[in-house]
Amino acid sequence: MAAIRMTNKRRKALVGTAFVAPWILGFFLFALRPMIYSLYLSFQKVKVTPLGIKTDYVGWDNYKYAFVSDATFVEKVLHYLRDMALNVPIIVTFSLIIAMLINQKINFRGVFRTIFFLPVIITSGPVINELLSQGVTTIPNIESYGMFALVKESLSPAVAGPVMYLFKQIIMVLWFSGVQILIFLAGLQKVDHALYEAARIDGASRWEMFWKLTLPMLMPLVVVNFIYTIVYISTFALNEIIAMIRDNMFNTSTGFGYATAIAWIYFLIIAIVLGIWTALLRTRKS
């Protein structure tokens, strides 16, 4: 038998497969069966009794209840989509700016990287819940600043509302940027500086080098960071839809059946959002 030629492309593919193999194996061993079972429960009326779980097939009733009878679910989904459209671009843009700044040759560069990554370590559900309850995730008395009055006077209510929301939640938004900054830093450190030298010799400004060199080379990482940010925010412990799913699990009138139904609806919404963002970014890349 002839030996299989190990090309560089094939070697990289094998290395990548080796890195993701534990996750794929863990998914099939531990996650796939519960997902299928939860899909089965979403079509059932589930009752937890001392003798075990009893199910009664109700078809699409749980899904219909989510959109027709449960007004809070639709309201929270719309609120989630609005926050997603506002927060994700802000987080990714901020991460790119900070990564470019701390990638410069400055003193205490490692300290700055640690500072920006530190929130990732401490952003557990209980910690964030305590910070929210104390009001430290927003700028104090920000509504009393003159810029708020200027925004209200110069913009329509439909535009002024999201702008004011961003100002109020700016600290919370920036709190989720640690991993994205590290990803952008890794990409920036792989850029060949000879390209910048050649562009500088040809008379390119820093702004032109960013748009023509830096951003195109970082576009794959921009896609990765968009996907990561959407998934991270969508699965955060204090997400109101996740809290709603958790509450309905122990609600005697709805129970596991309805909770799994809205969980699957939420999963499909996240998948659609991811597909839209990825398609937009790949179109921009091409």
C-alpha atoms as a PDB file:
ATOM      1  CA  MET A   1       0.000   0.000   0.000  1.00  0.00           C
ATOM      2  CA  ALA A   2       1.304   3.400  -0.979  1.00  0.00           C
ATOM      3  CA  ALA A   3       1.841   5.801   1.887  1.00  0.00           C
ATOM      4  CA  ILE A   4      -0.653   8.651   2.140  1.00  0.00           C
ATOM      5  CA  ARG A   5       1.023  11.908   1.292  1.00  0.00           C
ATOM      6  CA  MET A   6       0.733  14.299   4.213  1.00  0.00           C
ATOM      7  CA  THR A   7       0.313  17.737   2.682  1.00  0.00           C
ATOM      8  CA  ASN A   8       0.359  20.918   4.746  1.00  0.00           C
ATOM      9  CA  LYS A   9      -3.367  21.424   4.153  1.00  0.00           C
ATOM     10  CA  ARG A  10      -4.187  17.891   5.291  1.00  0.00           C
ATOM     11  CA  ARG A  11      -1.931  18.252   8.329  1.00  0.00           C
ATOM     12  CA  LYS A  12      -3.743  21.435   9.382  1.00  0.00           C
ATOM     13  CA  ALA A  13      -7.105  19.708   8.865  1.00  0.00           C
ATOM     14  CA  LEU A  14      -6.029  16.826  11.106  1.00  0.00           C
ATOM     15  CA  VAL A  15      -4.794  19.198  13.794  1.00  0.00           C
ATOM     16  CA  GLY A  16      -8.085  21.109  13.704  1.00  0.00           C
ATOM     17  CA  THR A  17     -10.060  17.866  13.852  1.00  0.00           C
ATOM     18  CA  ALA A  18      -8.015  16.723  16.840  1.00  0.00           C
ATOM     19  CA  PHE A  19      -8.848  19.928  18.711  1.00  0.00           C
ATOM     20  CA  VAL A  20     -12.621  19.709  18.080  1.00  0.00           C
ATOM     21  CA  ALA A  21     -12.832  15.913  18.450  1.00  0.00           C
ATOM     22  CA  PRO A  22     -13.334  15.965  22.271  1.00  0.00           C
ATOM     23  CA  TRP A  23     -16.216  18.418  21.896  1.00  0.00           C
ATOM     24  CA  ILE A  24     -17.840  16.367  19.113  1.00  0.00           C
ATOM     25  CA  LEU A  25     -17.429  13.155  21.099  1.00  0.00           C
ATOM     26  CA  GLY A  26     -18.829  14.797  24.228  1.00  0.00           C
ATOM     27  CA  PHE A  27     -21.806  16.132  22.264  1.00  0.00           C
ATOM     28  CA  PHE A  28     -22.768  12.703  20.948  1.00  0.00           C
ATOM     29  CA  LEU A  29     -22.190  11.020  24.314  1.00  0.00           C
ATOM     30  CA  PHE A  30     -23.800  13.528  26.673  1.00  0.00           C
ATOM     31  CA  ALA A  31     -25.855  16.152  24.792  1.00  0.00           C
ATOM     32  CA  LEU A  32     -27.529  14.534  21.785  1.00  0.00           C
ATOM     33  CA  ARG A  33     -29.832  12.165  23.683  1.00  0.00           C
ATOM     34  CA  PRO A  34     -31.117  14.855  26.135  1.00  0.00           C
ATOM     35  CA  MET A  35     -31.770  17.179  23.178  1.00  0.00           C
ATOM     36  CA  ILE A  36     -33.832  14.542  21.392  1.00  0.00           C
ATOM     37  CA  TYR A  37     -35.703  13.758  24.600  1.00  0.00           C
ATOM     38  CA  SER A  38     -36.423  17.446  25.198  1.00  0.00           C
ATOM     39  CA  LEU A  39     -37.832  17.694  21.665  1.00  0.00           C
ATOM     40  CA  TYR A  40     -40.092  14.750  22.475  1.00  0.00           C
ATOM     41  CA  LEU A  41     -41.235  16.425  25.704  1.00  0.00           C
ATOM     42  CA  SER A  42     -42.085  19.649  23.858  1.00  0.00           C
ATOM     43  CA  PHE A  43     -45.028  17.840  22.258  1.00  0.00           C
ATOM     44  CA  GLN A  44     -46.220  16.438  25.578  1.00  0.00           C
ATOM     45  CA  LYS A  45     -48.086  17.569  28.658  1.00  0.00           C
ATOM     46  CA  VAL A  46     -45.610  16.513  31.319  1.00  0.00           C
ATOM     47  CA  LYS A  47     -46.488  15.717  34.904  1.00  0.00           C
ATOM     48  CA  VAL A  48     -43.915  14.817  37.535  1.00  0.00           C
ATOM     49  CA  THR A  49     -45.431  12.335  39.992  1.00  0.00           C
ATOM     50  CA  PRO A  50     -43.982  10.243  42.834  1.00  0.00           C
ATOM     51  CA  LEU A  51     -44.096   7.301  40.416  1.00  0.00           C
ATOM     52  CA  GLY A  52     -42.093   9.100  37.745  1.00  0.00           C
ATOM     53  CA  ILE A  53     -42.692  11.338  34.733  1.00  0.00           C
ATOM     54  CA  LYS A  54     -46.036  10.942  32.975  1.00  0.00           C
ATOM     55  CA  THR A  55     -46.590  12.370  29.513  1.00  0.00           C
ATOM     56  CA  ASP A  56     -49.731  13.086  27.525  1.00  0.00           C
ATOM     57  CA  TYR A  57     -49.357  13.897  23.821  1.00  0.00           C
ATOM     58  CA  VAL A  58     -50.730  17.361  22.978  1.00  0.00           C
ATOM     59  CA  GLY A  59     -49.175  17.937  19.555  1.00  0.00           C
ATOM     60  CA  TRP A  60     -48.295  21.549  18.751  1.00  0.00           C
ATOM     61  CA  ASP A  61     -50.317  22.989  21.654  1.00  0.00           C
ATOM     62  CA  ASN A  62     -47.240  24.038  23.618  1.00  0.00           C
ATOM     63  CA  TYR A  63     -45.854  25.943  20.632  1.00  0.00           C
ATOM     64  CA  LYS A  64     -49.215  27.560  19.903  1.00  0.00           C
ATOM     65  CA  TYR A  65     -49.510  28.597  23.545  1.00  0.00           C
ATOM     66  CA  ALA A  66     -46.139  30.352  23.367  1.00  0.00           C
ATOM     67  CA  PHE A  67     -47.198  32.619  20.483  1.00  0.00           C
ATOM     68  CA  VAL A  68     -50.954  32.951  21.030  1.00  0.00           C
ATOM     69  CA  SER A  69     -51.626  32.816  24.767  1.00  0.00           C
ATOM     70  CA  ASP A  70     -48.335  33.691  26.475  1.00  0.00           C
ATOM     71  CA  ALA A  71     -47.853  37.374  25.669  1.00  0.00           C
ATOM     72  CA  THR A  72     -44.734  37.647  27.843  1.00  0.00           C
ATOM     73  CA  PHE A  73     -42.798  35.172  25.706  1.00  0.00           C
ATOM     74  CA  VAL A  74     -43.247  37.142  22.478  1.00  0.00           C
ATOM     75  CA  GLU A  75     -42.426  40.369  24.307  1.00  0.00           C
ATOM     76  CA  LYS A  76     -39.215  38.908  25.724  1.00  0.00           C
ATOM     77  CA  VAL A  77     -38.178  37.497  22.346  1.00  0.00           C
ATOM     78  CA  LEU A  78     -38.602  40.922  20.722  1.00  0.00           C
ATOM     79  CA  HIS A  79     -36.647  42.482  23.587  1.00  0.00           C
ATOM     80  CA  TYR A  80     -33.892  39.886  23.093  1.00  0.00           C
ATOM     81  CA  LEU A  81     -33.685  40.599  19.346  1.00  0.00           C
ATOM     82  CA  ARG A  82     -33.475  44.332  19.966  1.00  0.00           C
ATOM     83  CA  ASP A  83     -30.707  43.922  22.516  1.00  0.00           C
ATOM     84  CA  MET A  84     -28.896  41.558  20.175  1.00  0.00           C
ATOM     85  CA  ALA A  85     -28.984  44.000  17.275  1.00  0.00           C
ATOM     86  CA  LEU A  86     -27.637  46.761  19.518  1.00  0.00           C
ATOM     87  CA  ASN A  87     -25.164  44.957  21.747  1.00  0.00           C
ATOM     88  CA  VAL A  88     -23.320  42.573  19.429  1.00  0.00           C
ATOM     89  CA  PRO A  89     -21.875  45.152  16.971  1.00  0.00           C
ATOM     90  CA  ILE A  90     -20.909  47.417  19.893  1.00  0.00           C
ATOM     91  CA  ILE A  91     -19.097  44.595  21.711  1.00  0.00           C
ATOM     92  CA  VAL A  92     -17.214  43.404  18.617  1.00  0.00           C
ATOM     93  CA  THR A  93     -16.258  46.936  17.554  1.00  0.00           C
ATOM     94  CA  PHE A  94     -15.047  47.823  21.050  1.00  0.00           C
ATOM     95  CA  SER A  95     -13.056  44.587  21.225  1.00  0.00           C
ATOM     96  CA  LEU A  96     -11.318  45.347  17.942  1.00  0.00           C
ATOM     97  CA  ILE A  97     -10.437  48.896  19.031  1.00  0.00           C
ATOM     98  CA  ILE A  98      -9.030  47.762  22.390  1.00  0.00           C
ATOM     99  CA  ALA A  99      -7.119  44.900  20.759  1.00  0.00           C
ATOM    100  CA  MET A 100      -5.466  47.310  18.327  1.00  0.00           C
ATOM    101  CA  LEU A 101      -4.573  49.696  21.140  1.00  0.00           C
ATOM    102  CA  ILE A 102      -2.980  47.131  23.466  1.00  0.00           C
ATOM    103  CA  ASN A 103      -1.225  45.469  20.525  1.00  0.00           C
ATOM    104  CA  GLN A 104       0.997  48.553  20.310  1.00  0.00           C
ATOM    105  CA  LYS A 105       4.442  48.607  21.917  1.00  0.00           C
ATOM    106  CA  ILE A 106       3.459  50.225  25.204  1.00  0.00           C
ATOM    107  CA  ASN A 107       4.593  49.775  28.775  1.00  0.00           C
ATOM    108  CA  PHE A 108       2.637  47.317  30.966  1.00  0.00           C
ATOM    109  CA  ARG A 109       0.939  45.799  27.924  1.00  0.00           C
ATOM    110  CA  GLY A 110       0.442  42.505  29.764  1.00  0.00           C
ATOM    111  CA  VAL A 111      -1.235  44.312  32.661  1.00  0.00           C
ATOM    112  CA  PHE A 112      -3.746  45.957  30.323  1.00  0.00           C
ATOM    113  CA  ARG A 113      -4.547  42.611  28.711  1.00  0.00           C
ATOM    114  CA  THR A 114      -5.185  41.119  32.128  1.00  0.00           C
ATOM    115  CA  ILE A 115      -7.445  44.015  33.128  1.00  0.00           C
ATOM    116  CA  PHE A 116      -9.621  43.660  30.045  1.00  0.00           C
ATOM    117  CA  PHE A 117      -9.838  39.884  30.413  1.00  0.00           C
ATOM    118  CA  LEU A 118     -10.531  39.926  34.167  1.00  0.00           C
ATOM    119  CA  PRO A 119     -14.331  40.412  33.807  1.00  0.00           C
ATOM    120  CA  VAL A 120     -14.520  37.108  31.900  1.00  0.00           C
ATOM    121  CA  ILE A 121     -13.270  35.306  35.004  1.00  0.00           C
ATOM    122  CA  ILE A 122     -15.686  36.899  37.455  1.00  0.00           C
ATOM    123  CA  THR A 123     -18.849  37.189  35.301  1.00  0.00           C
ATOM    124  CA  SER A 124     -20.659  34.293  36.896  1.00  0.00           C
ATOM    125  CA  GLY A 125     -24.419  34.495  37.326  1.00  0.00           C
ATOM    126  CA  PRO A 126     -24.410  35.291  41.068  1.00  0.00           C
ATOM    127  CA  VAL A 127     -21.690  37.942  40.696  1.00  0.00           C
ATOM    128  CA  ILE A 128     -23.470  39.740  37.851  1.00  0.00           C
ATOM    129  CA  ASN A 129     -26.793  39.457  39.686  1.00  0.00           C
ATOM    130  CA  GLU A 130     -25.260  41.139  42.722  1.00  0.00           C
ATOM    131  CA  LEU A 131     -23.701  43.868  40.563  1.00  0.00           C
ATOM    132  CA  LEU A 132     -27.031  44.483  38.856  1.00  0.00           C
ATOM    133  CA  SER A 133     -28.856  44.703  42.179  1.00  0.00           C
ATOM    134  CA  GLN A 134     -26.359  47.340  43.375  1.00  0.00           C
ATOM    135  CA  GLY A 135     -26.633  49.312  40.137  1.00  0.00           C
ATOM    136  CA  VAL A 136     -22.905  49.272  39.401  1.00  0.00           C
ATOM    137  CA  THR A 137     -23.335  48.067  35.801  1.00  0.00           C
ATOM    138  CA  THR A 138     -24.648  51.462  34.690  1.00  0.00           C
ATOM    139  CA  ILE A 139     -23.260  54.984  34.868  1.00  0.00           C
ATOM    140  CA  PRO A 140     -24.843  56.753  37.897  1.00  0.00           C
ATOM    141  CA  ASN A 141     -27.367  59.507  37.097  1.00  0.00           C
ATOM    142  CA  ILE A 142     -26.566  59.295  33.405  1.00  0.00           C
ATOM    143  CA  GLU A 143     -30.069  60.465  32.491  1.00  0.00           C
ATOM    144  CA  SER A 144     -29.345  63.815  34.103  1.00  0.00           C
ATOM    145  CA  TYR A 145     -26.513  64.517  31.664  1.00  0.00           C
ATOM    146  CA  GLY A 146     -27.062  67.083  28.939  1.00  0.00           C
ATOM    147  CA  MET A 147     -26.438  64.601  26.146  1.00  0.00           C
ATOM    148  CA  PHE A 148     -29.652  62.771  27.022  1.00  0.00           C
ATOM    149  CA  ALA A 149     -31.705  65.931  26.560  1.00  0.00           C
ATOM    150  CA  LEU A 150     -29.884  66.566  23.281  1.00  0.00           C
ATOM    151  CA  VAL A 151     -30.662  63.052  22.031  1.00  0.00           C
ATOM    152  CA  LYS A 152     -34.338  63.384  22.937  1.00  0.00           C
ATOM    153  CA  GLU A 153     -34.653  66.752  21.220  1.00  0.00           C
ATOM    154  CA  SER A 154     -32.714  66.005  18.035  1.00  0.00           C
ATOM    155  CA  LEU A 155     -33.819  62.427  17.293  1.00  0.00           C
ATOM    156  CA  SER A 156     -37.176  60.752  16.836  1.00  0.00           C
ATOM    157  CA  PRO A 157     -38.422  58.515  19.673  1.00  0.00           C
ATOM    158  CA  ALA A 158     -37.815  55.394  17.568  1.00  0.00           C
ATOM    159  CA  VAL A 159     -34.121  56.290  17.184  1.00  0.00           C
ATOM    160  CA  ALA A 160     -33.591  58.037  20.524  1.00  0.00           C
ATOM    161  CA  GLY A 161     -34.789  54.998  22.501  1.00  0.00           C
ATOM    162  CA  PRO A 162     -32.044  52.599  21.320  1.00  0.00           C
ATOM    163  CA  VAL A 163     -29.362  55.309  21.610  1.00  0.00           C
ATOM    164  CA  MET A 164     -30.315  56.049  25.207  1.00  0.00           C
ATOM    165  CA  TYR A 165     -30.414  52.336  25.950  1.00  0.00           C
ATOM    166  CA  LEU A 166     -26.824  51.971  24.773  1.00  0.00           C
ATOM    167  CA  PHE A 167     -25.671  54.806  27.033  1.00  0.00           C
ATOM    168  CA  LYS A 168     -27.434  53.234  30.012  1.00  0.00           C
ATOM    169  CA  GLN A 169     -26.044  49.741  29.407  1.00  0.00           C
ATOM    170  CA  ILE A 170     -22.606  50.684  28.122  1.00  0.00           C
ATOM    171  CA  ILE A 171     -20.727  49.189  31.109  1.00  0.00           C
ATOM    172  CA  MET A 172     -22.706  45.943  30.869  1.00  0.00           C
ATOM    173  CA  VAL A 173     -22.065  45.769  27.134  1.00  0.00           C
ATOM    174  CA  LEU A 174     -18.323  46.289  27.513  1.00  0.00           C
ATOM    175  CA  TRP A 175     -18.203  43.713  30.292  1.00  0.00           C
ATOM    176  CA  PHE A 176     -18.522  40.891  27.737  1.00  0.00           C
ATOM    177  CA  SER A 177     -15.572  41.853  25.520  1.00  0.00           C
ATOM    178  CA  GLY A 178     -12.669  39.966  27.143  1.00  0.00           C
ATOM    179  CA  VAL A 179     -12.502  36.829  24.990  1.00  0.00           C
ATOM    180  CA  GLN A 180     -13.137  38.796  21.798  1.00  0.00           C
ATOM    181  CA  ILE A 181     -10.193  41.084  22.598  1.00  0.00           C
ATOM    182  CA  LEU A 182      -7.891  38.072  22.975  1.00  0.00           C
ATOM    183  CA  ILE A 183      -9.103  36.603  19.674  1.00  0.00           C
ATOM    184  CA  PHE A 184      -8.439  39.854  17.846  1.00  0.00           C
ATOM    185  CA  LEU A 185      -5.031  40.143  19.542  1.00  0.00           C
ATOM    186  CA  ALA A 186      -4.077  36.688  18.298  1.00  0.00           C
ATOM    187  CA  GLY A 187      -5.035  37.707  14.770  1.00  0.00           C
ATOM    188  CA  LEU A 188      -3.204  41.027  14.924  1.00  0.00           C
ATOM    189  CA  GLN A 189      -0.006  39.358  16.085  1.00  0.00           C
ATOM    190  CA  LYS A 190      -0.039  37.090  13.018  1.00  0.00           C
ATOM    191  CA  VAL A 191      -0.197  39.976  10.547  1.00  0.00           C
ATOM    192  CA  ASP A 192       3.023  40.398   8.577  1.00  0.00           C
ATOM    193  CA  HIS A 193       4.429  43.842   9.398  1.00  0.00           C
ATOM    194  CA  ALA A 194       6.168  43.901   6.009  1.00  0.00           C
ATOM    195  CA  LEU A 195       2.749  44.574   4.470  1.00  0.00           C
ATOM    196  CA  TYR A 196       2.379  47.729   6.556  1.00  0.00           C
ATOM    197  CA  GLU A 197       5.890  48.829   5.646  1.00  0.00           C
ATOM    198  CA  ALA A 198       5.143  48.396   1.941  1.00  0.00           C
ATOM    199  CA  ALA A 199       1.840  50.263   2.274  1.00  0.00           C
ATOM    200  CA  ARG A 200       3.555  53.069   4.193  1.00  0.00           C
ATOM    201  CA  ILE A 201       6.187  53.395   1.466  1.00  0.00           C
ATOM    202  CA  ASP A 202       3.380  53.679  -1.108  1.00  0.00           C
ATOM    203  CA  GLY A 203       1.933  56.580   0.874  1.00  0.00           C
ATOM    204  CA  ALA A 204      -0.996  54.850   2.580  1.00  0.00           C
ATOM    205  CA  SER A 205      -2.330  56.499   5.721  1.00  0.00           C
ATOM    206  CA  ARG A 206      -3.120  54.598   8.934  1.00  0.00           C
ATOM    207  CA  TRP A 207      -6.836  54.815   8.131  1.00  0.00           C
ATOM    208  CA  GLU A 208      -6.282  53.343   4.654  1.00  0.00           C
ATOM    209  CA  MET A 209      -4.080  50.579   6.046  1.00  0.00           C
ATOM    210  CA  PHE A 210      -6.813  49.657   8.520  1.00  0.00           C
ATOM    211  CA  TRP A 211      -9.521  49.357   5.849  1.00  0.00           C
ATOM    212  CA  LYS A 212      -7.342  47.802   3.139  1.00  0.00           C
ATOM    213  CA  LEU A 213      -5.054  45.552   5.204  1.00  0.00           C
ATOM    214  CA  THR A 214      -6.026  45.038   8.834  1.00  0.00           C
ATOM    215  CA  LEU A 215      -9.790  44.606   8.547  1.00  0.00           C
ATOM    216  CA  PRO A 216      -9.763  42.235   5.518  1.00  0.00           C
ATOM    217  CA  MET A 217      -7.201  40.002   7.234  1.00  0.00           C
ATOM    218  CA  LEU A 218      -9.273  40.012  10.459  1.00  0.00           C
ATOM    219  CA  MET A 219     -12.635  39.327   8.796  1.00  0.00           C
ATOM    220  CA  PRO A 220     -12.572  35.571   9.628  1.00  0.00           C
ATOM    221  CA  LEU A 221     -12.024  36.524  13.275  1.00  0.00           C
ATOM    222  CA  VAL A 222     -14.794  39.125  13.063  1.00  0.00           C
ATOM    223  CA  VAL A 223     -17.166  36.333  12.006  1.00  0.00           C
ATOM    224  CA  VAL A 224     -15.918  34.146  14.877  1.00  0.00           C
ATOM    225  CA  ASN A 225     -16.384  36.965  17.401  1.00  0.00           C
ATOM    226  CA  PHE A 226     -19.880  37.752  16.165  1.00  0.00           C
ATOM    227  CA  ILE A 227     -20.874  34.106  16.543  1.00  0.00           C
ATOM    228  CA  TYR A 228     -19.226  33.813  19.956  1.00  0.00           C
ATOM    229  CA  THR A 229     -20.837  37.031  21.232  1.00  0.00           C
ATOM    230  CA  ILE A 230     -24.320  36.026  20.061  1.00  0.00           C
ATOM    231  CA  VAL A 231     -24.037  32.589  21.670  1.00  0.00           C
ATOM    232  CA  TYR A 232     -22.498  33.993  24.864  1.00  0.00           C
ATOM    233  CA  ILE A 233     -25.178  36.628  25.369  1.00  0.00           C
ATOM    234  CA  SER A 234     -27.975  34.243  24.374  1.00  0.00           C
ATOM    235  CA  THR A 235     -26.902  31.577  26.865  1.00  0.00           C
ATOM    236  CA  PHE A 236     -25.958  33.901  29.719  1.00  0.00           C
ATOM    237  CA  ALA A 237     -27.464  32.795  33.023  1.00  0.00           C
ATOM    238  CA  LEU A 238     -29.357  36.056  33.570  1.00  0.00           C
ATOM    239  CA  ASN A 239     -30.909  36.098  30.098  1.00  0.00           C
ATOM    240  CA  GLU A 240     -34.624  36.728  30.643  1.00  0.00           C
ATOM    241  CA  ILE A 241     -35.754  34.010  28.210  1.00  0.00           C
ATOM    242  CA  ILE A 242     -33.558  31.427  29.929  1.00  0.00           C
ATOM    243  CA  ALA A 243     -34.991  32.555  33.255  1.00  0.00           C
ATOM    244  CA  MET A 244     -38.479  32.141  31.777  1.00  0.00           C
ATOM    245  CA  ILE A 245     -37.645  28.598  30.647  1.00  0.00           C
ATOM    246  CA  ARG A 246     -36.324  27.760  34.103  1.00  0.00           C
ATOM    247  CA  ASP A 247     -39.413  29.194  35.824  1.00  0.00           C
ATOM    248  CA  ASN A 248     -41.832  27.278  33.591  1.00  0.00           C
ATOM    249  CA  MET A 249     -40.080  23.994  34.349  1.00  0.00           C
ATOM    250  CA  PHE A 250     -41.412  24.156  37.898  1.00  0.00           C
ATOM    251  CA  ASN A 251     -44.743  25.779  37.055  1.00  0.00           C
ATOM    252  CA  THR A 252     -47.608  23.353  37.709  1.00  0.00           C
ATOM    253  CA  SER A 253     -49.778  24.828  34.939  1.00  0.00           C
ATOM    254  CA  THR A 254     -47.121  24.595  32.202  1.00  0.00           C
ATOM    255  CA  GLY A 255     -44.278  22.345  33.348  1.00  0.00           C
ATOM    256  CA  PHE A 256     -41.526  20.624  31.413  1.00  0.00           C
ATOM    257  CA  GLY A 257     -43.563  20.310  28.220  1.00  0.00           C
ATOM    258  CA  TYR A 258     -44.041  24.029  27.718  1.00  0.00           C
ATOM    259  CA  ALA A 259     -40.541  24.834  29.008  1.00  0.00           C
ATOM    260  CA  THR A 260     -38.916  22.557  26.426  1.00  0.00           C
ATOM    261  CA  ALA A 261     -41.155  23.988  23.698  1.00  0.00           C
ATOM    262  CA  ILE A 262     -40.033  27.570  24.295  1.00  0.00           C
ATOM    263  CA  ALA A 263     -36.455  26.323  24.670  1.00  0.00           C
ATOM    264  CA  TRP A 264     -36.608  24.860  21.162  1.00  0.00           C
ATOM    265  CA  ILE A 265     -38.229  28.018  19.801  1.00  0.00           C
ATOM    266  CA  TYR A 266     -35.427  30.029  21.405  1.00  0.00           C
ATOM    267  CA  PHE A 267     -32.841  27.666  19.919  1.00  0.00           C
ATOM    268  CA  LEU A 268     -34.274  28.144  16.424  1.00  0.00           C
ATOM    269  CA  ILE A 269     -34.321  31.926  16.880  1.00  0.00           C
ATOM    270  CA  ILE A 270     -30.641  31.901  17.885  1.00  0.00           C
ATOM    271  CA  ALA A 271     -29.809  29.703  14.886  1.00  0.00           C
ATOM    272  CA  ILE A 272     -31.624  32.111  12.534  1.00  0.00           C
ATOM    273  CA  VAL A 273     -29.871  35.127  14.086  1.00  0.00           C
ATOM    274  CA  LEU A 274     -26.506  33.387  13.697  1.00  0.00           C
ATOM    275  CA  GLY A 275     -27.300  32.545  10.083  1.00  0.00           C
ATOM    276  CA  ILE A 276     -28.287  36.130   9.259  1.00  0.00           C
ATOM    277  CA  TRP A 277     -25.207  37.682  10.893  1.00  0.00           C
ATOM    278  CA  THR A 278     -22.875  35.140   9.266  1.00  0.00           C
ATOM    279  CA  ALA A 279     -24.430  35.700   5.834  1.00  0.00           C
ATOM    280  CA  LEU A 280     -24.127  39.478   6.179  1.00  0.00           C
ATOM    281  CA  LEU A 281     -20.492  39.288   7.279  1.00  0.00           C
ATOM    282  CA  ARG A 282     -19.529  36.808   4.555  1.00  0.00           C
ATOM    283  CA  THR A 283     -21.207  39.051   1.977  1.00  0.00           C
ATOM    284  CA  ARG A 284     -19.181  41.966   3.330  1.00  0.00           C
ATOM    285  CA  LYS A 285     -16.033  39.834   3.181  1.00  0.00           C
ATOM    286  CA  SER A 286     -16.581  38.857  -0.448  1.00  0.00           C
END
